[in-house]
C-alpha atoms as a PDB file:
ATOM      1  CA  MET A   1    -115.962 263.364  91.449  1.00  0.00           C
ATOM      2  CA  LEU A   2    -112.229 264.658  90.891  1.00  0.00           C
ATOM      3  CA  PRO A   3    -111.893 268.371  90.330  1.00  0.00           C
ATOM      4  CA  PHE A   4    -109.605 267.709  87.152  1.00  0.00           C
ATOM      5  CA  LYS A   5    -109.606 264.949  84.835  1.00  0.00           C
ATOM      6  CA  LEU A   6    -107.578 261.980  83.916  1.00  0.00           C
ATOM      7  CA  ILE A   7    -105.913 260.496  81.058  1.00  0.00           C
ATOM      8  CA  TYR A   8    -105.814 257.178  79.910  1.00  0.00           C
ATOM      9  CA  HIS A   9    -105.922 255.022  77.017  1.00  0.00           C
ATOM     10  CA  ASP A  10    -106.380 251.058  77.493  1.00  0.00           C
ATOM     11  CA  ARG A  11    -103.424 250.534  75.269  1.00  0.00           C
ATOM     12  CA  TYR A  12    -101.270 252.060  77.522  1.00  0.00           C
ATOM     13  CA  ASP A  13    -100.352 248.466  78.971  1.00  0.00           C
ATOM     14  CA  LEU A  14     -97.044 248.045  77.300  1.00  0.00           C
ATOM     15  CA  ASN A  15     -97.412 244.402  76.431  1.00  0.00           C
ATOM     16  CA  LEU A  16     -94.238 242.990  78.254  1.00  0.00           C
ATOM     17  CA  GLY A  17     -95.467 239.491  79.140  1.00  0.00           C
ATOM     18  CA  ALA A  18     -93.763 238.083  82.184  1.00  0.00           C
ATOM     19  CA  HIS A  19     -91.263 241.110  83.318  1.00  0.00           C
ATOM     20  CA  VAL A  20     -90.402 243.032  86.004  1.00  0.00           C
ATOM     21  CA  PHE A  21     -92.003 246.361  84.835  1.00  0.00           C
ATOM     22  CA  PRO A  22     -95.504 245.739  85.507  1.00  0.00           C
ATOM     23  CA  SER A  23     -97.148 247.957  83.408  1.00  0.00           C
ATOM     24  CA  LYS A  24    -100.554 246.182  83.412  1.00  0.00           C
ATOM     25  CA  LYS A  25    -100.331 248.120  86.604  1.00  0.00           C
ATOM     26  CA  PHE A  26    -102.090 251.831  84.098  1.00  0.00           C
ATOM     27  CA  ARG A  27    -105.074 249.134  83.823  1.00  0.00           C
ATOM     28  CA  LEU A  28    -105.156 248.529  87.263  1.00  0.00           C
ATOM     29  CA  ILE A  29    -105.008 252.262  88.643  1.00  0.00           C
ATOM     30  CA  ALA A  30    -108.021 253.039  86.535  1.00  0.00           C
ATOM     31  CA  GLU A  31    -109.752 250.013  87.580  1.00  0.00           C
ATOM     32  CA  TYR A  32    -109.369 250.802  91.329  1.00  0.00           C
ATOM     33  CA  LEU A  33    -110.375 254.552  90.720  1.00  0.00           C
ATOM     34  CA  LEU A  34    -113.309 253.668  89.306  1.00  0.00           C
ATOM     35  CA  ARG A  35    -114.123 251.216  91.585  1.00  0.00           C
ATOM     36  CA  GLU A  36    -113.279 253.229  94.858  1.00  0.00           C
ATOM     37  CA  ARG A  37    -115.920 255.995  93.452  1.00  0.00           C
ATOM     38  CA  VAL A  38    -112.590 258.127  93.621  1.00  0.00           C
ATOM     39  CA  ALA A  39    -113.331 258.907  89.793  1.00  0.00           C
ATOM     40  CA  GLY A  40    -116.310 258.760  87.708  1.00  0.00           C
ATOM     41  CA  PRO A  41    -116.412 257.869  83.722  1.00  0.00           C
ATOM     42  CA  GLU A  42    -117.411 261.303  83.136  1.00  0.00           C
ATOM     43  CA  ASP A  43    -113.976 262.066  84.898  1.00  0.00           C
ATOM     44  CA  PHE A  44    -111.784 260.107  82.400  1.00  0.00           C
ATOM     45  CA  LEU A  45    -109.840 261.512  78.827  1.00  0.00           C
ATOM     46  CA  THR A  46    -109.137 259.081  76.253  1.00  0.00           C
ATOM     47  CA  PRO A  47    -105.993 260.388  74.287  1.00  0.00           C
ATOM     48  CA  GLY A  48    -104.986 260.020  70.632  1.00  0.00           C
ATOM     49  CA  PRO A  49    -101.516 259.309  70.005  1.00  0.00           C
ATOM     50  CA  ALA A  50     -98.549 261.592  69.458  1.00  0.00           C
ATOM     51  CA  SER A  51     -98.304 262.365  65.841  1.00  0.00           C
ATOM     52  CA  ASP A  52     -94.744 261.783  64.627  1.00  0.00           C
ATOM     53  CA  GLU A  53     -93.950 265.820  63.933  1.00  0.00           C
ATOM     54  CA  ASP A  54     -94.244 265.588  67.972  1.00  0.00           C
ATOM     55  CA  VAL A  55     -91.883 263.196  68.590  1.00  0.00           C
ATOM     56  CA  LEU A  56     -89.840 264.602  66.534  1.00  0.00           C
ATOM     57  CA  ARG A  57     -89.155 267.929  68.019  1.00  0.00           C
ATOM     58  CA  ILE A  58     -87.496 265.386  70.296  1.00  0.00           C
ATOM     59  CA  HIS A  59     -85.853 262.096  69.195  1.00  0.00           C
ATOM     60  CA  THR A  60     -84.175 261.686  65.735  1.00  0.00           C
ATOM     61  CA  ILE A  61     -85.881 260.563  62.866  1.00  0.00           C
ATOM     62  CA  ASP A  62     -83.725 257.467  62.465  1.00  0.00           C
ATOM     63  CA  TRP A  63     -84.678 256.016  65.935  1.00  0.00           C
ATOM     64  CA  VAL A  64     -88.161 257.111  65.086  1.00  0.00           C
ATOM     65  CA  ARG A  65     -87.995 254.996  62.296  1.00  0.00           C
ATOM     66  CA  LYS A  66     -86.408 251.805  63.846  1.00  0.00           C
ATOM     67  CA  LEU A  67     -89.413 251.668  66.287  1.00  0.00           C
ATOM     68  CA  LYS A  68     -91.982 252.603  62.780  1.00  0.00           C
ATOM     69  CA  THR A  69     -90.460 249.578  61.548  1.00  0.00           C
ATOM     70  CA  GLY A  70     -88.818 247.202  63.893  1.00  0.00           C
ATOM     71  CA  SER A  71     -85.541 247.631  62.937  1.00  0.00           C
ATOM     72  CA  LEU A  72     -83.933 247.872  66.235  1.00  0.00           C
ATOM     73  CA  THR A  73     -80.189 246.360  66.540  1.00  0.00           C
ATOM     74  CA  PRO A  74     -79.452 243.812  69.116  1.00  0.00           C
ATOM     75  CA  LEU A  75     -77.796 246.633  71.233  1.00  0.00           C
ATOM     76  CA  ASP A  76     -80.769 248.420  70.757  1.00  0.00           C
ATOM     77  CA  VAL A  77     -82.691 246.066  72.774  1.00  0.00           C
ATOM     78  CA  MET A  78     -80.342 245.950  75.112  1.00  0.00           C
ATOM     79  CA  LYS A  79     -79.876 249.374  76.253  1.00  0.00           C
ATOM     80  CA  LEU A  80     -84.295 249.664  76.204  1.00  0.00           C
ATOM     81  CA  GLU A  81     -84.673 246.291  78.700  1.00  0.00           C
ATOM     82  CA  ILE A  82     -87.954 245.357  76.904  1.00  0.00           C
ATOM     83  CA  PRO A  83     -88.875 243.091  74.445  1.00  0.00           C
ATOM     84  CA  TYR A  84     -89.740 244.984  70.805  1.00  0.00           C
ATOM     85  CA  SER A  85     -93.753 244.634  69.512  1.00  0.00           C
ATOM     86  CA  PRO A  86     -95.554 246.933  67.427  1.00  0.00           C
ATOM     87  CA  GLU A  87     -98.397 247.033  69.987  1.00  0.00           C
ATOM     88  CA  THR A  88     -95.247 248.019  72.695  1.00  0.00           C
ATOM     89  CA  VAL A  89     -94.394 250.811  70.255  1.00  0.00           C
ATOM     90  CA  GLN A  90     -98.330 252.037  69.665  1.00  0.00           C
ATOM     91  CA  ALA A  91     -98.391 252.578  73.656  1.00  0.00           C
ATOM     92  CA  PHE A  92     -95.361 254.524  73.894  1.00  0.00           C
ATOM     93  CA  TRP A  93     -96.784 256.867  71.186  1.00  0.00           C
ATOM     94  CA  LEU A  94    -100.562 256.725  73.007  1.00  0.00           C
ATOM     95  CA  ALA A  95     -98.464 257.773  76.333  1.00  0.00           C
ATOM     96  CA  ALA A  96     -96.709 260.827  74.722  1.00  0.00           C
ATOM     97  CA  GLY A  97    -100.080 261.917  73.416  1.00  0.00           C
ATOM     98  CA  GLY A  98    -101.661 261.195  77.379  1.00  0.00           C
ATOM     99  CA  THR A  99     -98.500 263.355  78.364  1.00  0.00           C
ATOM    100  CA  ILE A 100     -99.575 266.186  76.098  1.00  0.00           C
ATOM    101  CA  LEU A 101    -103.466 266.141  76.831  1.00  0.00           C
ATOM    102  CA  ALA A 102    -102.500 266.308  80.425  1.00  0.00           C
ATOM    103  CA  GLY A 103     -99.917 269.439  79.634  1.00  0.00           C
ATOM    104  CA  GLN A 104    -103.258 271.017  78.055  1.00  0.00           C
ATOM    105  CA  ARG A 105    -105.698 270.149  80.915  1.00  0.00           C
ATOM    106  CA  ALA A 106    -103.526 271.313  83.508  1.00  0.00           C
ATOM    107  CA  LEU A 107    -103.038 274.461  81.499  1.00  0.00           C
ATOM    108  CA  ALA A 108    -106.972 275.026  81.528  1.00  0.00           C
ATOM    109  CA  ASP A 109    -107.410 273.417  85.043  1.00  0.00           C
ATOM    110  CA  GLY A 110    -104.871 273.689  87.606  1.00  0.00           C
ATOM    111  CA  PHE A 111    -104.186 270.004  87.479  1.00  0.00           C
ATOM    112  CA  ALA A 112    -104.435 267.094  85.321  1.00  0.00           C
ATOM    113  CA  ALA A 113    -102.633 263.440  85.484  1.00  0.00           C
ATOM    114  CA  SER A 114    -101.722 260.665  82.593  1.00  0.00           C
ATOM    115  CA  ILE A 115    -102.216 257.148  84.422  1.00  0.00           C
ATOM    116  CA  GLY A 116     -99.273 256.461  82.730  1.00  0.00           C
ATOM    117  CA  GLY A 117     -96.438 257.705  81.105  1.00  0.00           C
ATOM    118  CA  GLY A 118     -92.990 259.499  82.853  1.00  0.00           C
ATOM    119  CA  PHE A 119     -90.314 257.598  80.408  1.00  0.00           C
ATOM    120  CA  HIS A 120     -88.026 259.481  81.816  1.00  0.00           C
ATOM    121  CA  HIS A 121     -84.640 257.716  80.829  1.00  0.00           C
ATOM    122  CA  ALA A 122     -85.238 257.735  76.785  1.00  0.00           C
ATOM    123  CA  HIS A 123     -82.568 259.937  74.995  1.00  0.00           C
ATOM    124  CA  PRO A 124     -83.222 261.577  71.718  1.00  0.00           C
ATOM    125  CA  GLY A 125     -81.395 258.945  69.494  1.00  0.00           C
ATOM    126  CA  HIS A 126     -81.989 255.192  71.992  1.00  0.00           C
ATOM    127  CA  GLY A 127     -84.433 254.024  74.565  1.00  0.00           C
ATOM    128  CA  GLU A 128     -82.876 253.167  77.781  1.00  0.00           C
ATOM    129  CA  GLY A 129     -84.631 251.213  80.845  1.00  0.00           C
ATOM    130  CA  PHE A 130     -87.699 250.146  79.858  1.00  0.00           C
ATOM    131  CA  CYS A 131     -88.143 253.906  78.060  1.00  0.00           C
ATOM    132  CA  ALA A 132     -88.570 254.495  74.144  1.00  0.00           C
ATOM    133  CA  ILE A 133     -89.676 257.716  73.624  1.00  0.00           C
ATOM    134  CA  HIS A 134     -89.853 260.935  76.092  1.00  0.00           C
ATOM    135  CA  ASP A 135     -93.359 261.772  76.406  1.00  0.00           C
ATOM    136  CA  VAL A 136     -92.610 264.326  79.254  1.00  0.00           C
ATOM    137  CA  ALA A 137     -90.183 266.336  76.709  1.00  0.00           C
ATOM    138  CA  ILE A 138     -92.692 265.813  74.228  1.00  0.00           C
ATOM    139  CA  ALA A 139     -95.125 267.105  75.729  1.00  0.00           C
ATOM    140  CA  ILE A 140     -93.066 270.126  76.706  1.00  0.00           C
ATOM    141  CA  ARG A 141     -91.647 270.832  73.242  1.00  0.00           C
ATOM    142  CA  ARG A 142     -95.465 270.947  71.954  1.00  0.00           C
ATOM    143  CA  LEU A 143     -96.900 273.333  74.561  1.00  0.00           C
ATOM    144  CA  GLN A 144     -93.985 275.576  73.959  1.00  0.00           C
ATOM    145  CA  ALA A 145     -94.172 275.434  70.486  1.00  0.00           C
ATOM    146  CA  ASP A 146     -98.206 275.687  70.305  1.00  0.00           C
ATOM    147  CA  GLY A 147     -96.941 279.406  72.868  1.00  0.00           C
ATOM    148  CA  ALA A 148     -99.327 278.012  75.797  1.00  0.00           C
ATOM    149  CA  ILE A 149     -95.940 277.933  77.807  1.00  0.00           C
ATOM    150  CA  ARG A 150     -92.331 279.555  77.554  1.00  0.00           C
ATOM    151  CA  ARG A 151     -90.737 277.936  80.907  1.00  0.00           C
ATOM    152  CA  ALA A 152     -91.374 274.244  82.345  1.00  0.00           C
ATOM    153  CA  MET A 153     -90.036 272.319  85.340  1.00  0.00           C
ATOM    154  CA  VAL A 154     -89.753 268.571  85.290  1.00  0.00           C
ATOM    155  CA  ILE A 155     -89.905 267.777  89.251  1.00  0.00           C
ATOM    156  CA  ASP A 156     -88.712 263.770  89.178  1.00  0.00           C
ATOM    157  CA  THR A 157     -89.471 261.851  91.947  1.00  0.00           C
ATOM    158  CA  ASP A 158     -88.456 258.214  90.381  1.00  0.00           C
ATOM    159  CA  VAL A 159     -86.288 256.386  92.599  1.00  0.00           C
ATOM    160  CA  HIS A 160     -83.579 256.239  89.218  1.00  0.00           C
ATOM    161  CA  HIS A 161     -81.936 259.169  88.188  1.00  0.00           C
ATOM    162  CA  GLY A 162     -83.677 261.025  85.150  1.00  0.00           C
ATOM    163  CA  ASN A 163     -80.771 261.022  83.099  1.00  0.00           C
ATOM    164  CA  GLY A 164     -82.802 261.373  79.671  1.00  0.00           C
ATOM    165  CA  THR A 165     -84.507 264.135  81.243  1.00  0.00           C
ATOM    166  CA  ALA A 166     -81.321 265.754  81.976  1.00  0.00           C
ATOM    167  CA  ALA A 167     -79.306 265.031  78.869  1.00  0.00           C
ATOM    168  CA  ILE A 168     -82.625 266.103  76.236  1.00  0.00           C
ATOM    169  CA  PHE A 169     -82.587 269.684  77.960  1.00  0.00           C
ATOM    170  CA  ARG A 170     -79.219 270.384  79.131  1.00  0.00           C
ATOM    171  CA  LYS A 171     -78.310 273.687  77.705  1.00  0.00           C
ATOM    172  CA  ASP A 172     -82.008 274.853  77.541  1.00  0.00           C
ATOM    173  CA  ASP A 173     -82.578 277.051  79.864  1.00  0.00           C
ATOM    174  CA  THR A 174     -86.424 277.650  79.123  1.00  0.00           C
ATOM    175  CA  VAL A 175     -86.716 274.025  81.005  1.00  0.00           C
ATOM    176  CA  PHE A 176     -85.384 273.400  84.738  1.00  0.00           C
ATOM    177  CA  THR A 177     -84.615 269.867  85.726  1.00  0.00           C
ATOM    178  CA  LEU A 178     -85.025 268.420  89.316  1.00  0.00           C
ATOM    179  CA  SER A 179     -84.495 264.510  89.931  1.00  0.00           C
ATOM    180  CA  ILE A 180     -84.616 263.134  93.615  1.00  0.00           C
ATOM    181  CA  HIS A 181     -83.158 259.975  93.373  1.00  0.00           C
ATOM    182  CA  GLN A 182     -81.056 257.101  94.635  1.00  0.00           C
ATOM    183  CA  GLU A 183     -77.494 257.902  94.035  1.00  0.00           C
ATOM    184  CA  ASN A 184     -76.022 254.218  94.032  1.00  0.00           C
ATOM    185  CA  ASN A 185     -78.175 252.776  91.404  1.00  0.00           C
ATOM    186  CA  TYR A 186     -79.791 252.932  88.058  1.00  0.00           C
ATOM    187  CA  PRO A 187     -78.118 254.496  85.779  1.00  0.00           C
ATOM    188  CA  ALA A 188     -74.391 254.396  86.167  1.00  0.00           C
ATOM    189  CA  TYR A 189     -73.776 257.509  84.439  1.00  0.00           C
ATOM    190  CA  LYS A 190     -76.118 260.575  85.473  1.00  0.00           C
ATOM    191  CA  PRO A 191     -75.713 263.648  83.090  1.00  0.00           C
ATOM    192  CA  PRO A 192     -76.361 266.778  85.549  1.00  0.00           C
ATOM    193  CA  SER A 193     -80.028 268.150  85.898  1.00  0.00           C
ATOM    194  CA  ASP A 194     -80.403 271.569  86.901  1.00  0.00           C
ATOM    195  CA  LEU A 195     -80.879 270.336  90.573  1.00  0.00           C
ATOM    196  CA  ASP A 196     -79.901 266.711  91.658  1.00  0.00           C
ATOM    197  CA  LEU A 197     -80.855 265.402  94.984  1.00  0.00           C
ATOM    198  CA  ASN A 198     -78.271 262.295  95.623  1.00  0.00           C
ATOM    199  CA  MET A 199     -79.808 260.307  98.014  1.00  0.00           C
ATOM    200  CA  PRO A 200     -77.895 257.551  99.957  1.00  0.00           C
ATOM    201  CA  ASP A 201     -79.545 253.709 100.424  1.00  0.00           C
ATOM    202  CA  ARG A 202     -81.806 253.234 102.789  1.00  0.00           C
ATOM    203  CA  ALA A 203     -82.504 256.870 102.880  1.00  0.00           C
ATOM    204  CA  HIS A 204     -85.902 257.493 105.296  1.00  0.00           C
ATOM    205  CA  ASP A 205     -88.900 259.176 104.960  1.00  0.00           C
ATOM    206  CA  ASP A 206     -88.120 262.605 106.874  1.00  0.00           C
ATOM    207  CA  GLU A 207     -84.692 262.306 105.585  1.00  0.00           C
ATOM    208  CA  TYR A 208     -85.829 262.341 101.552  1.00  0.00           C
ATOM    209  CA  LEU A 209     -88.632 264.877 102.197  1.00  0.00           C
ATOM    210  CA  SER A 210     -86.159 267.215 104.536  1.00  0.00           C
ATOM    211  CA  ALA A 211     -83.883 267.359 101.252  1.00  0.00           C
ATOM    212  CA  LEU A 212     -86.923 267.733  98.910  1.00  0.00           C
ATOM    213  CA  GLY A 213     -88.885 270.156 100.324  1.00  0.00           C
ATOM    214  CA  PRO A 214     -86.727 273.461 100.341  1.00  0.00           C
ATOM    215  CA  ALA A 215     -85.663 272.364  96.975  1.00  0.00           C
ATOM    216  CA  VAL A 216     -88.585 272.752  95.708  1.00  0.00           C
ATOM    217  CA  GLN A 217     -89.338 276.081  97.234  1.00  0.00           C
ATOM    218  CA  ARG A 218     -86.347 277.406  96.096  1.00  0.00           C
ATOM    219  CA  SER A 219     -86.500 276.088  92.248  1.00  0.00           C
ATOM    220  CA  LEU A 220     -90.511 277.653  91.781  1.00  0.00           C
ATOM    221  CA  ASP A 221     -89.406 280.584  93.043  1.00  0.00           C
ATOM    222  CA  GLU A 222     -86.075 281.246  91.238  1.00  0.00           C
ATOM    223  CA  PHE A 223     -87.272 279.187  87.845  1.00  0.00           C
ATOM    224  CA  HIS A 224     -91.203 281.124  88.005  1.00  0.00           C
ATOM    225  CA  PRO A 225     -92.498 277.834  85.734  1.00  0.00           C
ATOM    226  CA  GLY A 226     -95.599 278.131  83.414  1.00  0.00           C
ATOM    227  CA  ILE A 227     -96.355 274.401  84.344  1.00  0.00           C
ATOM    228  CA  VAL A 228     -94.448 271.807  86.370  1.00  0.00           C
ATOM    229  CA  PHE A 229     -94.563 267.709  85.136  1.00  0.00           C
ATOM    230  CA  TYR A 230     -94.442 265.336  88.341  1.00  0.00           C
ATOM    231  CA  VAL A 231     -92.709 262.541  87.074  1.00  0.00           C
ATOM    232  CA  GLY A 232     -94.482 260.331  90.596  1.00  0.00           C
ATOM    233  CA  GLY A 233     -92.265 257.700  90.560  1.00  0.00           C
ATOM    234  CA  ALA A 234     -93.225 254.491  92.843  1.00  0.00           C
ATOM    235  CA  ASP A 235     -90.225 253.035  93.252  1.00  0.00           C
ATOM    236  CA  PRO A 236     -88.592 254.517  96.339  1.00  0.00           C
ATOM    237  CA  TYR A 237     -90.920 252.517  97.977  1.00  0.00           C
ATOM    238  CA  CYS A 238     -89.362 249.981 100.938  1.00  0.00           C
ATOM    239  CA  GLU A 239     -90.344 246.980  99.167  1.00  0.00           C
ATOM    240  CA  ASP A 240     -89.306 248.129  95.768  1.00  0.00           C
ATOM    241  CA  GLN A 241     -87.570 245.066  93.924  1.00  0.00           C
ATOM    242  CA  LEU A 242     -85.455 247.886  91.689  1.00  0.00           C
ATOM    243  CA  GLY A 243     -84.883 250.507  94.452  1.00  0.00           C
ATOM    244  CA  GLY A 244     -82.879 251.067  97.549  1.00  0.00           C
ATOM    245  CA  LEU A 245     -84.736 254.001  99.201  1.00  0.00           C
ATOM    246  CA  ALA A 246     -86.518 253.141 102.421  1.00  0.00           C
ATOM    247  CA  LEU A 247     -89.576 255.298 102.119  1.00  0.00           C
ATOM    248  CA  THR A 248     -92.835 254.002 103.460  1.00  0.00           C
ATOM    249  CA  LYS A 249     -96.384 254.376 101.229  1.00  0.00           C
ATOM    250  CA  GLU A 250     -97.395 257.624 103.844  1.00  0.00           C
ATOM    251  CA  GLY A 251     -93.670 259.350 103.631  1.00  0.00           C
ATOM    252  CA  LEU A 252     -94.656 259.158  99.530  1.00  0.00           C
ATOM    253  CA  ARG A 253     -98.158 260.352  99.686  1.00  0.00           C
ATOM    254  CA  ARG A 254     -96.516 263.281 101.960  1.00  0.00           C
ATOM    255  CA  ARG A 255     -93.689 263.548  99.236  1.00  0.00           C
ATOM    256  CA  ASP A 256     -96.778 263.941  96.406  1.00  0.00           C
ATOM    257  CA  ARG A 257     -98.575 266.241  98.517  1.00  0.00           C
ATOM    258  CA  LEU A 258     -95.258 268.610  99.241  1.00  0.00           C
ATOM    259  CA  VAL A 259     -94.931 269.443  96.125  1.00  0.00           C
ATOM    260  CA  PHE A 260     -98.357 269.376  94.716  1.00  0.00           C
ATOM    261  CA  ASP A 261     -99.064 272.562  97.487  1.00  0.00           C
ATOM    262  CA  GLU A 262     -95.985 273.954  96.596  1.00  0.00           C
ATOM    263  CA  ALA A 263     -97.058 274.390  92.659  1.00  0.00           C
ATOM    264  CA  ARG A 264    -100.606 275.332  94.415  1.00  0.00           C
ATOM    265  CA  ARG A 265     -99.701 278.142  96.425  1.00  0.00           C
ATOM    266  CA  ARG A 266     -97.936 280.450  93.241  1.00  0.00           C
ATOM    267  CA  ASP A 267    -100.443 279.233  90.586  1.00  0.00           C
ATOM    268  CA  ILE A 268     -98.634 276.944  89.149  1.00  0.00           C
ATOM    269  CA  PRO A 269    -100.731 274.230  86.633  1.00  0.00           C
ATOM    270  CA  VAL A 270     -99.341 270.256  87.594  1.00  0.00           C
ATOM    271  CA  ALA A 271     -99.197 267.701  84.903  1.00  0.00           C
ATOM    272  CA  VAL A 272     -99.066 264.280  86.504  1.00  0.00           C
ATOM    273  CA  THR A 273     -97.096 261.565  85.348  1.00  0.00           C
ATOM    274  CA  LEU A 274     -96.715 257.792  86.876  1.00  0.00           C
ATOM    275  CA  ALA A 275     -93.206 256.502  86.090  1.00  0.00           C
ATOM    276  CA  GLY A 276     -91.165 253.366  87.637  1.00  0.00           C
ATOM    277  CA  GLY A 277     -92.928 251.206  90.499  1.00  0.00           C
ATOM    278  CA  TYR A 278     -91.442 247.507  90.781  1.00  0.00           C
ATOM    279  CA  ALA A 279     -93.035 246.452  94.438  1.00  0.00           C
ATOM    280  CA  ARG A 280     -92.772 242.509  94.905  1.00  0.00           C
ATOM    281  CA  CYS A 281     -96.771 242.986  95.397  1.00  0.00           C
ATOM    282  CA  VAL A 282     -98.250 245.182  92.328  1.00  0.00           C
ATOM    283  CA  GLU A 283    -101.337 246.104  94.430  1.00  0.00           C
ATOM    284  CA  ASP A 284     -98.444 248.508  96.551  1.00  0.00           C
ATOM    285  CA  THR A 285     -97.038 249.804  93.614  1.00  0.00           C
ATOM    286  CA  VAL A 286    -100.953 250.102  92.970  1.00  0.00           C
ATOM    287  CA  LEU A 287    -102.154 251.706  95.610  1.00  0.00           C
ATOM    288  CA  ILE A 288     -98.706 254.471  95.814  1.00  0.00           C
ATOM    289  CA  HIS A 289     -99.411 255.420  92.288  1.00  0.00           C
ATOM    290  CA  VAL A 290    -102.917 256.088  93.760  1.00  0.00           C
ATOM    291  CA  ASN A 291    -102.126 258.397  96.646  1.00  0.00           C
ATOM    292  CA  THR A 292    -100.676 260.344  94.187  1.00  0.00           C
ATOM    293  CA  ILE A 293    -104.144 260.907  92.313  1.00  0.00           C
ATOM    294  CA  LEU A 294    -105.797 261.206  95.678  1.00  0.00           C
ATOM    295  CA  ALA A 295    -102.439 264.090  96.736  1.00  0.00           C
ATOM    296  CA  ALA A 296    -103.642 265.917  93.622  1.00  0.00           C
ATOM    297  CA  ARG A 297    -106.752 265.905  93.916  1.00  0.00           C
ATOM    298  CA  ASP A 298    -106.860 266.968  97.795  1.00  0.00           C
ATOM    299  CA  ALA A 299    -104.597 270.080  96.623  1.00  0.00           C
ATOM    300  CA  ALA A 300    -106.721 270.719  93.797  1.00  0.00           C
ATOM    301  CA  ALA A 301    -110.031 271.059  95.933  1.00  0.00           C
ATOM    302  CA  VAL A 302    -107.699 273.584  98.133  1.00  0.00           C
ATOM    303  CA  ASN A 303    -106.957 275.838  95.572  1.00  0.00           C
ATOM    304  CA  ARG A 304    -110.579 275.870  94.331  1.00  0.00           C
ATOM    305  CA  THR A 305    -111.494 277.156  97.905  1.00  0.00           C
ATOM    306  CA  HIS A 306    -108.744 279.302  97.982  1.00  0.00           C
ATOM    307  CA  LYS A 307    -109.962 280.859  95.095  1.00  0.00           C
ATOM    308  CA  GLY A 308    -113.577 280.924  95.618  1.00  0.00           C
ATOM    309  CA  ALA A 309    -112.864 282.999  98.904  1.00  0.00           C
ATOM    310  CA  LYS A 310    -110.378 285.014  97.040  1.00  0.00           C
ATOM    311  CA  ARG A 311    -112.857 286.100  94.604  1.00  0.00           C
ATOM    312  CA  ASN A 312    -115.600 286.917  97.519  1.00  0.00           C
ATOM    313  CA  LEU A 313    -113.209 288.962  99.398  1.00  0.00           C
ATOM    314  CA  SER A 314    -113.092 290.727  95.903  1.00  0.00           C
ATOM    315  CA  ALA A 315    -116.778 291.162  95.957  1.00  0.00           C
ATOM    316  CA  ALA A 316    -116.932 292.316  99.389  1.00  0.00           C
ATOM    317  CA  GLU A 317    -114.473 294.729  99.212  1.00  0.00           C
ATOM    318  CA  TYR A 318    -115.696 296.141  95.865  1.00  0.00           C
END
């Protein structure tokens, strides 16, 4: 039913218990898509975990060892802000594997979406802000190592600055990082992305979109990436517990479609990951993430129609 693949594993849940991060949302999103017949079972692919070789392209051997053996220090746990368990580590490795697979499928099909991932606060040697390893960075390095791409762009629309992404790629001219986020929010220190859009408190739909649109257009035209990894946060929503922006659900849907349409016009593949979302009502977070999938579906459908029309025109001219 979808023109691209959804990547999902039922062990994406980080097993956090009573926590502000509702990691059960991944399961709820998949269930919603199936229940409402947005997608069928045939639209889903199940990833395996990322290999340690893949993870070590980004993270230090010391940090990987700590995660694998459960030897985190109290400071490590404090920065990570989630309880440690082997199941949680497995979920992060699966999320990284899912984002790698999403990147591979996006290159093949134009779009793909992992119902998970987007752990953009993780740094090479430590985790931060609910993020143990950086799945998007791992996927980019894997695609580059395979020779599938040379240049990638990360467009991060989480309400929180993508500090891990900026730190990892700060001296890398093969990866362009764009982050639009609330300026007066976590993290306190924000290493510079290639392009940072620092939004004021309670910024609304039009203010946000008028900043994002020209920035995305200019960045895509100047950088020419082989793929875009879209980090689609639900937390710019006006009712989010950890956010301070004022976007509506419709504004967030327009945000997603804006990015997808700009990539589609340039025939740039898009791999979607779903990042933060902490609405007081988890159903709001789920619906916002579902709307991201729907926006990708609509953009992918338009892209296929456009390509079909071009092929028909070429045949007629011939």
